């Protein structure tokens, strides 16, 4: 049976929820309309406790089972991306410059579906904590919820999450023990010289040659400073300088990202980046400043919980890959996995436009698989009696 029968019965209702959320995307911590939609439905389902205002607009719903037992957390993210939608769908975003381009509308819908089923059946012991989190795409709402004491406040012992995957067949679950997504660091570099007329470079201190040299030298962090078998990405993604063809600028701005899995390699990449910038600035006789920001840590699945989650997924769809290669994307669910054991899985929605693409759309046919996975995970992990 690919999905739980009861969940299949209200699959069309789930589609309605998802498309409503898709039309009304919100950003970062300000997911107030989305949170209100979630709260309204949790209360209508008969969820025992509904807690609002975590990480500004986050929600945690508690469903009690039958008899004592642990509390397992299930997490969905709610926020959208600051980009315009190009799908042309009848339920496309109604907010210019905002779009659910990463499937968080689907994640919220899948957890709502599991909430409806679990509140109806309560065929489990202990409790389930339904975590609706803002600001996955920026700021790190997961970190804020953990820092606010969510795990201890609700007694959560394990935590699990799903993410839609437009590169996998519909209903296929993919995961792995250990690192599954990378740590992400961001950097900004400002190279400052003395601007002036481009016809008289001798009267200037041109920052452009230094910026170009920095850009080339940064690639040696991966190609010459890191173990070739280690996973490391250093990407220079922005270079801005100058305003006219006959003006030497006074400053060049550069920015980019560093992705890694290993803590020592993460430290080494930052140290080498700083040394390269400093050395090139001295060489070219200009000044340079580095702002290096450590963001999400690597998403590291716990072995026992990952094996358990994969077994549950097999019972839901029969399509499971449990040795997925690590990916260089990042996830703030990493903070929850640092706080409690658990697992992060991808759920295939069929091949289509990539996440973060203006033509992306969550496949509503995937929602019953995700909701069934969450429901079966709780019933299997915390059996009644």
Protein backbone atom coordinates (compact mmCIF):
# COMPACT_ATOMS: atom_id res chain seq x y z
CA UNK A 1 0.00 0.00 0.00
CA UNK A 2 1.81 3.18 -1.16
CA UNK A 3 -0.01 5.55 1.20
CA UNK A 4 -2.24 5.30 4.25
CA UNK A 5 -5.85 4.78 3.12
CA UNK A 6 -7.24 7.53 5.32
CA UNK A 7 -4.65 10.01 4.07
CA UNK A 8 -5.45 9.05 0.48
CA UNK A 9 -9.10 9.88 1.21
CA UNK A 10 -8.30 13.53 1.97
CA UNK A 11 -5.52 13.95 -0.62
CA UNK A 12 -7.64 16.38 -2.62
CA UNK A 13 -8.14 18.47 0.51
CA UNK A 14 -4.37 18.56 0.97
CA UNK A 15 -3.99 19.81 -2.58
CA UNK A 16 -6.30 22.69 -1.70
CA UNK A 17 -4.21 23.59 1.35
CA UNK A 18 -0.99 23.49 -0.62
CA UNK A 19 -2.23 25.66 -3.46
CA UNK A 20 -3.61 28.23 -1.02
CA UNK A 21 -0.21 28.41 0.66
CA UNK A 22 1.49 28.65 -2.73
CA UNK A 23 -0.56 31.72 -3.59
CA UNK A 24 0.42 33.52 -0.38
CA UNK A 25 4.19 33.15 0.11
CA UNK A 26 5.95 34.83 3.03
CA UNK A 27 9.62 35.39 3.79
CA UNK A 28 12.06 34.67 6.60
CA UNK A 29 10.62 35.02 10.12
CA UNK A 30 7.50 36.87 8.96
CA UNK A 31 5.35 33.85 8.09
CA UNK A 32 2.35 35.14 10.04
CA UNK A 33 -0.41 34.38 7.51
CA UNK A 34 1.02 30.91 6.96
CA UNK A 35 1.22 30.35 10.71
CA UNK A 36 -2.40 31.49 11.13
CA UNK A 37 -3.45 28.99 8.43
CA UNK A 38 -1.55 26.24 10.23
CA UNK A 39 -3.01 27.14 13.64
CA UNK A 40 -6.55 27.25 12.27
CA UNK A 41 -6.22 23.78 10.80
CA UNK A 42 -4.45 22.23 13.79
CA UNK A 43 -7.25 23.40 16.05
CA UNK A 44 -9.86 22.13 13.62
CA UNK A 45 -8.15 18.72 13.61
CA UNK A 46 -8.36 18.53 17.41
CA UNK A 47 -4.63 18.84 18.09
CA UNK A 48 -4.26 18.94 21.88
CA UNK A 49 -1.86 21.88 22.23
CA UNK A 50 -1.04 24.67 19.79
CA UNK A 51 1.90 26.89 20.70
CA UNK A 52 2.53 30.05 18.67
CA UNK A 53 5.26 32.65 18.40
CA UNK A 54 8.37 30.47 18.39
CA UNK A 55 11.05 32.16 16.28
CA UNK A 56 8.50 34.99 15.84
CA UNK A 57 6.03 33.10 13.62
CA UNK A 58 6.78 29.43 14.25
CA UNK A 59 4.16 26.98 15.52
CA UNK A 60 4.39 23.74 17.50
CA UNK A 61 1.36 21.48 17.79
CA UNK A 62 1.27 18.60 20.27
CA UNK A 63 -0.83 15.48 19.74
CA UNK A 64 -1.00 13.05 22.66
CA UNK A 65 -1.27 9.35 21.97
CA UNK A 66 -2.57 6.58 24.17
CA UNK A 67 -0.42 5.93 27.21
CA UNK A 68 3.01 7.17 28.26
CA UNK A 69 5.92 7.33 25.87
CA UNK A 70 8.50 9.59 24.25
CA UNK A 71 7.92 12.73 22.20
CA UNK A 72 9.04 12.64 18.57
CA UNK A 73 9.38 15.87 16.59
CA UNK A 74 8.34 16.20 12.96
CA UNK A 75 9.46 19.38 11.22
CA UNK A 76 8.24 21.34 8.18
CA UNK A 77 9.54 24.71 6.99
CA UNK A 78 7.08 27.44 5.93
CA UNK A 79 8.99 30.28 4.27
CA UNK A 80 9.31 31.15 0.57
CA UNK A 81 11.99 32.79 -1.57
CA UNK A 82 12.42 36.43 -2.71
CA UNK A 83 11.92 35.80 -6.45
CA UNK A 84 9.25 36.15 -9.11
CA UNK A 85 7.26 33.12 -10.23
CA UNK A 86 7.14 32.13 -13.91
CA UNK A 87 4.90 29.04 -13.83
CA UNK A 88 1.76 30.70 -15.20
CA UNK A 89 -0.32 28.39 -12.99
CA UNK A 90 -3.80 29.44 -11.88
CA UNK A 91 -2.63 29.24 -8.26
CA UNK A 92 0.67 31.08 -8.83
CA UNK A 93 1.99 33.51 -6.24
CA UNK A 94 -0.16 36.60 -5.76
CA UNK A 95 2.74 38.50 -4.17
CA UNK A 96 5.25 40.10 -6.56
CA UNK A 97 8.82 39.18 -5.75
CA UNK A 98 7.88 36.20 -3.59
CA UNK A 99 7.52 32.56 -4.57
CA UNK A 100 7.37 29.10 -3.02
CA UNK A 101 10.24 27.86 -5.19
CA UNK A 102 11.63 25.29 -2.76
CA UNK A 103 8.52 23.28 -1.90
CA UNK A 104 8.01 24.56 1.63
CA UNK A 105 4.31 24.92 0.86
CA UNK A 106 4.35 21.18 0.20
CA UNK A 107 6.33 20.44 3.35
CA UNK A 108 3.80 22.34 5.45
CA UNK A 109 0.95 20.52 3.72
CA UNK A 110 2.48 17.08 4.32
CA UNK A 111 2.88 17.77 8.03
CA UNK A 112 -0.69 19.12 8.22
CA UNK A 113 -1.87 15.90 6.58
CA UNK A 114 -0.01 13.82 9.15
CA UNK A 115 -1.43 16.02 11.93
CA UNK A 116 -5.00 15.43 10.73
CA UNK A 117 -4.50 11.67 10.60
CA UNK A 118 -2.65 11.37 13.92
CA UNK A 119 -5.20 13.53 15.76
CA UNK A 120 -8.01 11.34 14.41
CA UNK A 121 -6.47 7.93 15.07
CA UNK A 122 -4.03 8.38 17.99
CA UNK A 123 -2.73 4.89 17.35
CA UNK A 124 0.52 5.54 19.18
CA UNK A 125 1.92 6.08 22.67
CA UNK A 126 3.61 9.19 23.99
CA UNK A 127 3.23 12.37 21.95
CA UNK A 128 4.20 13.92 18.64
CA UNK A 129 5.47 17.50 18.29
CA UNK A 130 4.47 19.04 14.96
CA UNK A 131 7.10 21.72 14.24
CA UNK A 132 6.21 24.40 11.68
CA UNK A 133 9.36 26.49 11.25
CA UNK A 134 9.94 29.86 9.57
CA UNK A 135 13.13 31.21 7.99
CA UNK A 136 14.85 28.12 6.64
CA UNK A 137 15.98 30.03 3.56
CA UNK A 138 17.55 32.86 5.55
CA UNK A 139 18.49 33.69 9.13
CA UNK A 140 18.04 30.10 10.35
CA UNK A 141 14.68 29.72 12.04
CA UNK A 142 15.67 26.21 13.10
CA UNK A 143 18.56 27.60 15.11
CA UNK A 144 16.32 30.19 16.73
CA UNK A 145 13.74 27.59 17.76
CA UNK A 146 16.46 25.40 19.27
CA UNK A 147 18.04 28.39 21.04
CA UNK A 148 14.65 29.30 22.47
CA UNK A 149 14.58 25.91 24.19
CA UNK A 150 12.03 24.11 22.02
CA UNK A 151 13.54 20.66 22.51
CA UNK A 152 13.50 20.82 26.30
CA UNK A 153 10.22 22.74 26.48
CA UNK A 154 8.32 19.97 24.68
CA UNK A 155 10.51 17.05 25.78
CA UNK A 156 11.45 16.11 22.22
CA UNK A 157 13.72 13.05 22.08
CA UNK A 158 14.11 12.60 18.30
CA UNK A 159 13.37 14.76 15.26
CA UNK A 160 12.72 14.05 11.56
CA UNK A 161 12.17 16.09 8.40
CA UNK A 162 11.43 15.66 4.69
CA UNK A 163 12.42 17.80 1.71
CA UNK A 164 10.89 17.53 -1.75
CA UNK A 165 13.23 16.37 -4.52
CA UNK A 166 12.53 17.33 -8.17
CA UNK A 167 15.36 15.05 -9.31
CA UNK A 168 13.85 11.81 -7.99
CA UNK A 169 10.96 9.60 -9.12
CA UNK A 170 7.59 10.24 -7.50
CA UNK A 171 7.43 8.58 -4.09
CA UNK A 172 11.12 7.66 -3.85
CA UNK A 173 12.76 8.41 -0.50
CA UNK A 174 16.50 9.15 -0.44
CA UNK A 175 18.75 9.51 2.57
CA UNK A 176 22.03 8.42 4.16
CA UNK A 177 23.60 8.16 7.60
CA UNK A 178 26.18 10.80 8.46
CA UNK A 179 26.63 14.05 6.54
CA UNK A 180 23.89 14.51 3.95
CA UNK A 181 24.13 18.28 3.32
CA UNK A 182 27.03 20.67 3.74
CA UNK A 183 27.95 23.49 6.06
CA UNK A 184 27.59 26.90 4.42
CA UNK A 185 29.77 29.94 4.99
CA UNK A 186 29.49 33.26 3.15
CA UNK A 187 32.19 35.85 2.56
CA UNK A 188 32.40 39.47 1.44
CA UNK A 189 35.62 41.12 0.28
CA UNK A 190 36.15 44.83 -0.24
CA UNK A 191 39.31 45.83 -2.10
CA UNK A 192 39.98 49.55 -1.68
CA UNK A 193 42.45 51.66 -3.63
CA UNK A 194 42.42 55.18 -5.05
CA UNK A 195 40.20 55.89 -8.04
CA UNK A 196 40.68 58.37 -10.82
CA UNK A 197 40.87 58.85 -14.58
CA UNK A 198 41.48 55.61 -16.49
CA UNK A 199 43.91 57.41 -18.80
CA UNK A 200 46.23 58.14 -15.86
CA UNK A 201 46.59 54.90 -13.88
CA UNK A 202 49.90 56.10 -12.43
CA UNK A 203 47.93 58.68 -10.44
CA UNK A 204 45.61 56.01 -9.03
CA UNK A 205 45.86 52.87 -6.96
CA UNK A 206 43.69 50.52 -9.04
CA UNK A 207 41.84 47.87 -6.95
CA UNK A 208 40.69 45.94 -10.03
CA UNK A 209 43.88 43.94 -10.75
CA UNK A 210 44.02 42.89 -7.11
CA UNK A 211 40.37 41.78 -7.18
CA UNK A 212 41.01 39.73 -10.31
CA UNK A 213 44.06 38.12 -8.72
CA UNK A 214 42.06 37.30 -5.59
CA UNK A 215 39.34 35.70 -7.71
CA UNK A 216 41.83 33.42 -9.41
CA UNK A 217 43.77 32.60 -6.26
CA UNK A 218 40.64 31.60 -4.34
CA UNK A 219 40.30 28.59 -6.65
CA UNK A 220 43.59 27.21 -5.33
CA UNK A 221 41.96 26.62 -1.93
CA UNK A 222 40.20 23.63 -3.45
CA UNK A 223 42.69 22.64 -6.15
CA UNK A 224 45.93 23.02 -4.18
CA UNK A 225 45.23 23.43 -0.46
CA UNK A 226 42.61 20.75 0.23
CA UNK A 227 42.83 16.97 0.06
CA UNK A 228 41.56 16.04 -3.43
CA UNK A 229 39.36 13.39 -1.83
CA UNK A 230 37.74 15.88 0.56
CA UNK A 231 34.50 17.65 -0.32
CA UNK A 232 34.94 21.41 -0.54
CA UNK A 233 33.44 24.16 -2.70
CA UNK A 234 34.63 27.77 -2.90
CA UNK A 235 32.47 29.83 -5.25
CA UNK A 236 33.00 33.49 -6.04
CA UNK A 237 29.51 34.65 -7.01
CA UNK A 238 29.65 38.46 -7.07
CA UNK A 239 32.14 41.03 -8.37
CA UNK A 240 31.06 44.67 -8.51
CA UNK A 241 33.26 47.65 -9.34
CA UNK A 242 33.36 50.69 -11.51
CA UNK A 243 30.78 52.99 -13.07
CA UNK A 244 32.19 54.02 -16.45
CA UNK A 245 34.78 52.90 -19.00
CA UNK A 246 37.06 55.84 -18.34
CA UNK A 247 37.02 55.75 -14.54
CA UNK A 248 39.23 53.61 -12.31
CA UNK A 249 37.04 52.72 -9.31
CA UNK A 250 38.07 53.33 -5.75
CA UNK A 251 36.63 50.03 -4.53
CA UNK A 252 35.72 46.56 -5.81
CA UNK A 253 33.20 44.43 -3.91
CA UNK A 254 33.35 40.62 -4.08
CA UNK A 255 31.25 37.93 -2.42
CA UNK A 256 30.75 34.20 -2.47
CA UNK A 257 30.16 31.00 -0.55
CA UNK A 258 32.15 28.11 0.93
CA UNK A 259 30.65 24.64 1.39
CA UNK A 260 32.20 21.80 3.40
CA UNK A 261 31.44 18.84 5.65
CA UNK A 262 34.57 18.54 7.82
CA UNK A 263 35.13 21.00 10.69
CA UNK A 264 38.92 21.14 10.24
CA UNK A 265 38.57 21.70 6.50
CA UNK A 266 36.03 24.43 7.19
CA UNK A 267 38.55 26.20 9.43
CA UNK A 268 41.33 25.71 6.89
CA UNK A 269 39.28 27.16 4.02
CA UNK A 270 38.52 30.30 6.02
CA UNK A 271 42.15 30.73 7.05
CA UNK A 272 43.40 30.32 3.48
CA UNK A 273 40.82 32.75 2.11
CA UNK A 274 41.85 35.40 4.59
CA UNK A 275 45.55 34.81 3.87
CA UNK A 276 45.03 35.03 0.10
CA UNK A 277 43.14 38.32 0.35
CA UNK A 278 45.68 39.83 2.72
CA UNK A 279 48.64 38.69 0.63
CA UNK A 280 47.23 39.93 -2.67
CA UNK A 281 46.36 43.29 -1.14
CA UNK A 282 49.95 43.75 0.03
CA UNK A 283 51.24 42.63 -3.37
CA UNK A 284 49.15 45.18 -5.27
CA UNK A 285 49.53 47.99 -2.76
CA UNK A 286 45.83 48.31 -1.90
CA UNK A 287 43.73 47.61 1.18
CA UNK A 288 41.33 44.70 1.57
CA UNK A 289 38.75 43.73 4.16
CA UNK A 290 37.17 40.28 4.62
CA UNK A 291 33.83 39.70 6.34
CA UNK A 292 33.44 35.95 6.79
CA UNK A 293 30.13 34.65 8.13
CA UNK A 294 29.68 31.11 9.42
CA UNK A 295 26.16 30.02 8.64
CA UNK A 296 24.43 26.60 8.85
CA UNK A 297 26.52 23.65 10.06
CA UNK A 298 26.51 20.40 8.07
CA UNK A 299 23.31 18.38 8.22
CA UNK A 300 24.41 15.11 9.85
CA UNK A 301 21.98 12.22 10.09
CA UNK A 302 22.21 9.85 13.04
CA UNK A 303 22.82 6.25 11.98
CA UNK A 304 20.14 4.43 14.03
CA UNK A 305 17.42 6.98 13.29
CA UNK A 306 18.29 7.03 9.58
CA UNK A 307 18.09 3.24 9.31
CA UNK A 308 14.74 3.32 11.11
CA UNK A 309 13.37 6.10 8.89
CA UNK A 310 14.47 4.24 5.76
CA UNK A 311 12.61 1.12 6.94
CA UNK A 312 9.46 3.18 7.52
CA UNK A 313 9.82 4.68 4.04
CA UNK A 314 10.07 1.21 2.50
CA UNK A 315 6.73 0.36 4.06
CA UNK A 316 5.18 3.48 2.57
CA UNK A 317 6.46 3.39 -1.01
CA UNK A 318 8.95 0.57 -1.49
CA UNK A 319 11.27 3.04 -3.22
CA UNK A 320 14.18 3.87 -0.94
CA UNK A 321 17.79 4.87 -1.54
CA UNK A 322 19.66 4.73 1.78
CA UNK A 323 23.18 5.44 0.50
CA UNK A 324 22.63 8.82 -1.15
CA UNK A 325 25.82 10.73 -1.90
CA UNK A 326 26.19 13.88 0.25
CA UNK A 327 25.03 17.13 -1.34
CA UNK A 328 26.66 20.57 -1.16
CA UNK A 329 23.38 22.37 -0.44
CA UNK A 330 22.66 23.41 3.14
CA UNK A 331 19.75 23.07 5.58
CA UNK A 332 19.02 24.69 8.93
CA UNK A 333 17.46 21.42 10.10
CA UNK A 334 21.13 20.79 10.91
CA UNK A 335 20.65 22.72 14.16
CA UNK A 336 17.85 20.40 15.25
CA UNK A 337 20.00 17.37 14.43
CA UNK A 338 22.79 18.84 16.56
CA UNK A 339 20.32 19.14 19.44
CA UNK A 340 18.62 15.74 19.08
CA UNK A 341 19.15 12.50 17.15
CA UNK A 342 17.10 12.14 14.00
CA UNK A 343 17.17 12.02 10.22
CA UNK A 344 16.60 14.17 7.14
CA UNK A 345 15.21 12.58 3.97
CA UNK A 346 14.43 13.67 0.42
CA UNK A 347 11.11 12.70 -1.17
CA UNK A 348 10.98 12.42 -4.95
CA UNK A 349 8.22 14.36 -6.66
CA UNK A 350 9.06 13.42 -10.24
CA UNK A 351 11.59 15.05 -12.55
CA UNK A 352 10.92 18.73 -13.17
CA UNK A 353 12.25 22.24 -12.71
CA UNK A 354 14.85 22.54 -9.96
CA UNK A 355 14.13 24.10 -6.61
CA UNK A 356 14.97 27.83 -6.54
CA UNK A 357 13.91 28.03 -10.20
CA UNK A 358 11.08 30.42 -11.24
CA UNK A 359 9.20 27.53 -12.90
CA UNK A 360 9.36 25.15 -9.93
CA UNK A 361 6.13 23.80 -8.46
CA UNK A 362 5.60 21.19 -5.77
CA UNK A 363 3.92 18.05 -7.13
CA UNK A 364 0.73 17.54 -5.11
CA UNK A 365 0.85 13.81 -5.87
CA UNK A 366 3.86 13.58 -3.52
CA UNK A 367 2.00 14.94 -0.48
CA UNK A 368 0.22 11.68 0.48
CA UNK A 369 3.58 9.87 0.47
CA UNK A 370 5.10 12.42 2.83
CA UNK A 371 2.11 12.58 5.16
CA UNK A 372 1.96 8.77 5.27
CA UNK A 373 5.66 8.58 6.06
CA UNK A 374 5.30 10.96 9.00
CA UNK A 375 2.24 9.09 10.28
CA UNK A 376 3.78 5.63 9.99
CA UNK A 377 7.00 6.84 11.57
CA UNK A 378 5.15 7.88 14.73
CA UNK A 379 3.01 4.73 14.86
CA UNK A 380 6.08 2.52 14.35
CA UNK A 381 8.43 4.38 16.67
CA UNK A 382 5.87 4.72 19.45
CA UNK A 383 3.53 1.73 19.19
CA UNK A 384 0.45 1.80 21.38
CA UNK A 385 0.70 -0.46 24.41
